[in-house]
Amino acid sequence: MKNWLKPLAGTAIVLTTLLAGCSKAPDVVTTHEQELDWNNLQGPVVVNYFAEWCAPCLRELPELNEFYHQDIESTSNLQLVGVSFDPLDNQQIKALAERHSIDYPLALAQPTAKFPFERPKMLPATYVIFADGSVKGPMMGEQTLASLREAVKQ
């Protein structure tokens, strides 16, 4: 390499590293390899907190799956994310989804998910985050297909 190119190459590497370090990490990464950023939403995101030990949470899973298949898979501006209330690692979250036939994406534990509201104290708890940053919820108790459809209307 010519002597005058070495400083340029070094500068390019430093700038690339700095720029890569400046990019904002997503607020949530899901089991479906989605990355959510609350500041760049195209439409509502339904966030459902649940736990395996919570009977009402397990009873509402078929409704959430139906909502996902009927309303979310067909549109690009509506999303659903499940969040384990219990501290599980990424492998345990994926196993939980498989064990309970959860078809919609779940928030991974790593990297740590950030939500624009406090963690609920009771379950099941559902929130809707709208593109303008407003949050509806928590909606407590089991949700149905009808209540989820109503909740995403602003």
C-alpha atoms as a PDB file:
ATOM      1  CA  MET A   1       0.000   0.000   0.000  1.00  0.00           C
ATOM      2  CA  LYS A   2       1.297   3.435  -0.820  1.00  0.00           C
ATOM      3  CA  ASN A   3       2.430   5.446   2.211  1.00  0.00           C
ATOM      4  CA  TRP A   4      -0.143   8.208   1.683  1.00  0.00           C
ATOM      5  CA  LEU A   5      -3.028   5.658   1.623  1.00  0.00           C
ATOM      6  CA  LYS A   6      -2.295   4.200   5.074  1.00  0.00           C
ATOM      7  CA  PRO A   7      -3.547   7.255   7.026  1.00  0.00           C
ATOM      8  CA  LEU A   8      -6.696   7.376   4.857  1.00  0.00           C
ATOM      9  CA  ALA A   9      -7.405   3.695   5.436  1.00  0.00           C
ATOM     10  CA  GLY A  10      -6.957   4.147   9.190  1.00  0.00           C
ATOM     11  CA  THR A  11      -9.246   7.181   9.192  1.00  0.00           C
ATOM     12  CA  ALA A  12     -11.910   5.254   7.254  1.00  0.00           C
ATOM     13  CA  ILE A  13     -11.836   2.402   9.777  1.00  0.00           C
ATOM     14  CA  VAL A  14     -12.150   4.808  12.712  1.00  0.00           C
ATOM     15  CA  LEU A  15     -15.057   6.693  11.094  1.00  0.00           C
ATOM     16  CA  THR A  16     -16.880   3.463  10.234  1.00  0.00           C
ATOM     17  CA  THR A  17     -16.498   2.224  13.810  1.00  0.00           C
ATOM     18  CA  LEU A  18     -17.730   5.529  15.240  1.00  0.00           C
ATOM     19  CA  LEU A  19     -20.746   5.669  12.942  1.00  0.00           C
ATOM     20  CA  ALA A  20     -21.695   2.062  13.704  1.00  0.00           C
ATOM     21  CA  GLY A  21     -21.479   2.820  17.423  1.00  0.00           C
ATOM     22  CA  CYS A  22     -23.796   5.810  17.034  1.00  0.00           C
ATOM     23  CA  SER A  23     -26.716   3.858  15.597  1.00  0.00           C
ATOM     24  CA  LYS A  24     -29.505   3.470  18.142  1.00  0.00           C
ATOM     25  CA  ALA A  25     -30.279  -0.047  19.334  1.00  0.00           C
ATOM     26  CA  PRO A  26     -33.898  -1.142  18.797  1.00  0.00           C
ATOM     27  CA  ASP A  27     -36.288  -0.877  21.739  1.00  0.00           C
ATOM     28  CA  VAL A  28     -37.454  -4.481  21.268  1.00  0.00           C
ATOM     29  CA  VAL A  29     -36.120  -7.467  19.339  1.00  0.00           C
ATOM     30  CA  THR A  30     -38.533 -10.371  18.863  1.00  0.00           C
ATOM     31  CA  THR A  31     -38.444 -14.100  18.296  1.00  0.00           C
ATOM     32  CA  HIS A  32     -39.482 -13.342  14.695  1.00  0.00           C
ATOM     33  CA  GLU A  33     -36.331 -11.241  14.257  1.00  0.00           C
ATOM     34  CA  GLN A  34     -38.308  -7.992  14.200  1.00  0.00           C
ATOM     35  CA  GLU A  35     -36.805  -4.832  15.626  1.00  0.00           C
ATOM     36  CA  LEU A  36     -39.181  -2.264  17.079  1.00  0.00           C
ATOM     37  CA  ASP A  37     -38.321   1.371  17.691  1.00  0.00           C
ATOM     38  CA  TRP A  38     -41.062   3.300  19.488  1.00  0.00           C
ATOM     39  CA  ASN A  39     -40.032   6.530  17.732  1.00  0.00           C
ATOM     40  CA  ASN A  40     -40.512   5.063  14.239  1.00  0.00           C
ATOM     41  CA  LEU A  41     -43.784   3.151  14.389  1.00  0.00           C
ATOM     42  CA  GLN A  42     -45.929   2.893  11.266  1.00  0.00           C
ATOM     43  CA  GLY A  43     -49.014   1.861  13.217  1.00  0.00           C
ATOM     44  CA  PRO A  44     -50.219   0.441  16.526  1.00  0.00           C
ATOM     45  CA  VAL A  45     -48.316  -2.225  18.447  1.00  0.00           C
ATOM     46  CA  VAL A  46     -50.267  -4.416  20.855  1.00  0.00           C
ATOM     47  CA  VAL A  47     -48.086  -5.526  23.773  1.00  0.00           C
ATOM     48  CA  ASN A  48     -49.372  -8.401  25.899  1.00  0.00           C
ATOM     49  CA  TYR A  49     -47.697  -9.367  29.176  1.00  0.00           C
ATOM     50  CA  PHE A  50     -48.278 -12.956  30.243  1.00  0.00           C
ATOM     51  CA  ALA A  51     -46.820 -15.751  32.362  1.00  0.00           C
ATOM     52  CA  GLU A  52     -46.975 -19.507  32.110  1.00  0.00           C
ATOM     53  CA  TRP A  53     -48.326 -19.797  35.674  1.00  0.00           C
ATOM     54  CA  CYS A  54     -51.184 -17.345  34.936  1.00  0.00           C
ATOM     55  CA  ALA A  55     -54.339 -19.281  33.994  1.00  0.00           C
ATOM     56  CA  PRO A  56     -56.139 -16.273  32.402  1.00  0.00           C
ATOM     57  CA  CYS A  57     -52.975 -15.576  30.368  1.00  0.00           C
ATOM     58  CA  LEU A  58     -52.991 -19.097  28.976  1.00  0.00           C
ATOM     59  CA  ARG A  59     -56.745 -18.917  28.250  1.00  0.00           C
ATOM     60  CA  GLU A  60     -56.291 -15.786  26.124  1.00  0.00           C
ATOM     61  CA  LEU A  61     -53.463 -17.237  23.977  1.00  0.00           C
ATOM     62  CA  PRO A  62     -55.866 -18.650  21.334  1.00  0.00           C
ATOM     63  CA  GLU A  63     -57.507 -15.200  21.014  1.00  0.00           C
ATOM     64  CA  LEU A  64     -54.102 -13.546  20.591  1.00  0.00           C
ATOM     65  CA  ASN A  65     -53.101 -16.148  17.985  1.00  0.00           C
ATOM     66  CA  GLU A  66     -56.380 -15.538  16.131  1.00  0.00           C
ATOM     67  CA  PHE A  67     -55.825 -11.767  16.260  1.00  0.00           C
ATOM     68  CA  TYR A  68     -52.309 -12.301  14.913  1.00  0.00           C
ATOM     69  CA  HIS A  69     -53.442 -14.515  12.032  1.00  0.00           C
ATOM     70  CA  GLN A  70     -56.562 -12.556  11.079  1.00  0.00           C
ATOM     71  CA  ASP A  71     -55.523  -8.955  11.649  1.00  0.00           C
ATOM     72  CA  ILE A  72     -51.745  -8.683  11.826  1.00  0.00           C
ATOM     73  CA  GLU A  73     -50.299 -11.034   9.233  1.00  0.00           C
ATOM     74  CA  SER A  74     -52.355  -9.275   6.539  1.00  0.00           C
ATOM     75  CA  THR A  75     -51.246  -5.725   7.381  1.00  0.00           C
ATOM     76  CA  SER A  76     -47.871  -4.094   7.722  1.00  0.00           C
ATOM     77  CA  ASN A  77     -48.874  -1.305  10.081  1.00  0.00           C
ATOM     78  CA  LEU A  78     -50.303  -3.353  12.988  1.00  0.00           C
ATOM     79  CA  GLN A  79     -48.132  -5.493  15.245  1.00  0.00           C
ATOM     80  CA  LEU A  80     -48.464  -7.783  18.254  1.00  0.00           C
ATOM     81  CA  VAL A  81     -45.704  -8.617  20.725  1.00  0.00           C
ATOM     82  CA  GLY A  82     -45.966 -10.917  23.712  1.00  0.00           C
ATOM     83  CA  VAL A  83     -43.783 -10.270  26.754  1.00  0.00           C
ATOM     84  CA  SER A  84     -42.941 -12.867  29.376  1.00  0.00           C
ATOM     85  CA  PHE A  85     -43.550 -11.470  32.837  1.00  0.00           C
ATOM     86  CA  ASP A  86     -41.009 -13.917  34.225  1.00  0.00           C
ATOM     87  CA  PRO A  87     -37.271 -13.450  33.774  1.00  0.00           C
ATOM     88  CA  LEU A  88     -36.433 -15.982  31.061  1.00  0.00           C
ATOM     89  CA  ASP A  89     -33.481 -16.129  28.711  1.00  0.00           C
ATOM     90  CA  ASN A  90     -33.940 -16.099  24.922  1.00  0.00           C
ATOM     91  CA  GLN A  91     -33.891 -19.907  24.616  1.00  0.00           C
ATOM     92  CA  GLN A  92     -36.502 -20.258  27.381  1.00  0.00           C
ATOM     93  CA  ILE A  93     -38.717 -17.671  25.663  1.00  0.00           C
ATOM     94  CA  LYS A  94     -38.526 -19.565  22.367  1.00  0.00           C
ATOM     95  CA  ALA A  95     -39.276 -22.843  24.174  1.00  0.00           C
ATOM     96  CA  LEU A  96     -42.254 -21.204  25.907  1.00  0.00           C
ATOM     97  CA  ALA A  97     -43.647 -20.095  22.542  1.00  0.00           C
ATOM     98  CA  GLU A  98     -43.289 -23.605  21.171  1.00  0.00           C
ATOM     99  CA  ARG A  99     -44.733 -25.274  24.274  1.00  0.00           C
ATOM    100  CA  HIS A 100     -47.880 -23.118  24.173  1.00  0.00           C
ATOM    101  CA  SER A 101     -48.199 -22.824  20.369  1.00  0.00           C
ATOM    102  CA  ILE A 102     -47.724 -19.059  20.419  1.00  0.00           C
ATOM    103  CA  ASP A 103     -47.569 -17.986  16.775  1.00  0.00           C
ATOM    104  CA  TYR A 104     -47.010 -14.247  17.251  1.00  0.00           C
ATOM    105  CA  PRO A 105     -43.617 -12.727  18.111  1.00  0.00           C
ATOM    106  CA  LEU A 106     -42.377 -12.575  21.692  1.00  0.00           C
ATOM    107  CA  ALA A 107     -39.930  -9.992  23.012  1.00  0.00           C
ATOM    108  CA  LEU A 108     -36.487 -11.452  23.566  1.00  0.00           C
ATOM    109  CA  ALA A 109     -34.780 -10.949  26.919  1.00  0.00           C
ATOM    110  CA  GLN A 110     -31.458 -10.038  25.319  1.00  0.00           C
ATOM    111  CA  PRO A 111     -31.058  -7.332  24.324  1.00  0.00           C
ATOM    112  CA  THR A 112     -33.235  -5.998  27.132  1.00  0.00           C
ATOM    113  CA  ALA A 113     -36.580  -4.720  25.834  1.00  0.00           C
ATOM    114  CA  LYS A 114     -37.582  -1.133  26.616  1.00  0.00           C
ATOM    115  CA  PHE A 115     -41.237  -0.117  26.741  1.00  0.00           C
ATOM    116  CA  PRO A 116     -42.796   3.355  27.053  1.00  0.00           C
ATOM    117  CA  PHE A 117     -44.772   2.340  30.156  1.00  0.00           C
ATOM    118  CA  GLU A 118     -44.153   0.707  33.521  1.00  0.00           C
ATOM    119  CA  ARG A 119     -44.131  -3.052  33.880  1.00  0.00           C
ATOM    120  CA  PRO A 120     -47.588  -4.208  34.989  1.00  0.00           C
ATOM    121  CA  LYS A 121     -48.123  -5.453  38.531  1.00  0.00           C
ATOM    122  CA  MET A 122     -50.932  -7.884  37.599  1.00  0.00           C
ATOM    123  CA  LEU A 123     -51.578 -10.217  34.664  1.00  0.00           C
ATOM    124  CA  PRO A 124     -52.672 -10.514  31.986  1.00  0.00           C
ATOM    125  CA  ALA A 125     -52.018  -6.930  30.960  1.00  0.00           C
ATOM    126  CA  THR A 126     -52.286  -5.545  27.445  1.00  0.00           C
ATOM    127  CA  TYR A 127     -51.149  -2.183  26.098  1.00  0.00           C
ATOM    128  CA  VAL A 128     -51.424  -0.502  22.720  1.00  0.00           C
ATOM    129  CA  ILE A 129     -48.647   1.833  21.605  1.00  0.00           C
ATOM    130  CA  PHE A 130     -49.723   4.125  18.783  1.00  0.00           C
ATOM    131  CA  ALA A 131     -47.493   5.677  16.115  1.00  0.00           C
ATOM    132  CA  ASP A 132     -47.896   9.118  17.725  1.00  0.00           C
ATOM    133  CA  GLY A 133     -46.337   7.756  20.947  1.00  0.00           C
ATOM    134  CA  SER A 134     -49.562   7.585  22.944  1.00  0.00           C
ATOM    135  CA  VAL A 135     -50.228   4.475  25.017  1.00  0.00           C
ATOM    136  CA  LYS A 136     -53.564   2.869  25.816  1.00  0.00           C
ATOM    137  CA  GLY A 137     -53.631   0.611  28.830  1.00  0.00           C
ATOM    138  CA  PRO A 138     -53.077  -1.359  30.754  1.00  0.00           C
ATOM    139  CA  MET A 139     -56.131  -3.297  29.756  1.00  0.00           C
ATOM    140  CA  MET A 140     -56.355  -5.862  32.521  1.00  0.00           C
ATOM    141  CA  GLY A 141     -57.696  -9.376  32.202  1.00  0.00           C
ATOM    142  CA  GLU A 142     -58.257 -11.722  29.311  1.00  0.00           C
ATOM    143  CA  GLN A 143     -58.562 -10.093  25.917  1.00  0.00           C
ATOM    144  CA  THR A 144     -60.736 -11.361  23.086  1.00  0.00           C
ATOM    145  CA  LEU A 145     -60.482 -10.885  19.342  1.00  0.00           C
ATOM    146  CA  ALA A 146     -63.225  -8.231  19.608  1.00  0.00           C
ATOM    147  CA  SER A 147     -61.558  -6.349  22.498  1.00  0.00           C
ATOM    148  CA  LEU A 148     -58.188  -6.376  20.704  1.00  0.00           C
ATOM    149  CA  ARG A 149     -59.753  -5.017  17.519  1.00  0.00           C
ATOM    150  CA  GLU A 150     -61.493  -2.303  19.509  1.00  0.00           C
ATOM    151  CA  ALA A 151     -58.292  -1.417  21.398  1.00  0.00           C
ATOM    152  CA  VAL A 152     -56.285  -0.639  18.256  1.00  0.00           C
ATOM    153  CA  LYS A 153     -58.798   1.994  17.158  1.00  0.00           C
ATOM    154  CA  GLN A 154     -57.600   5.434  18.169  1.00  0.00           C
END
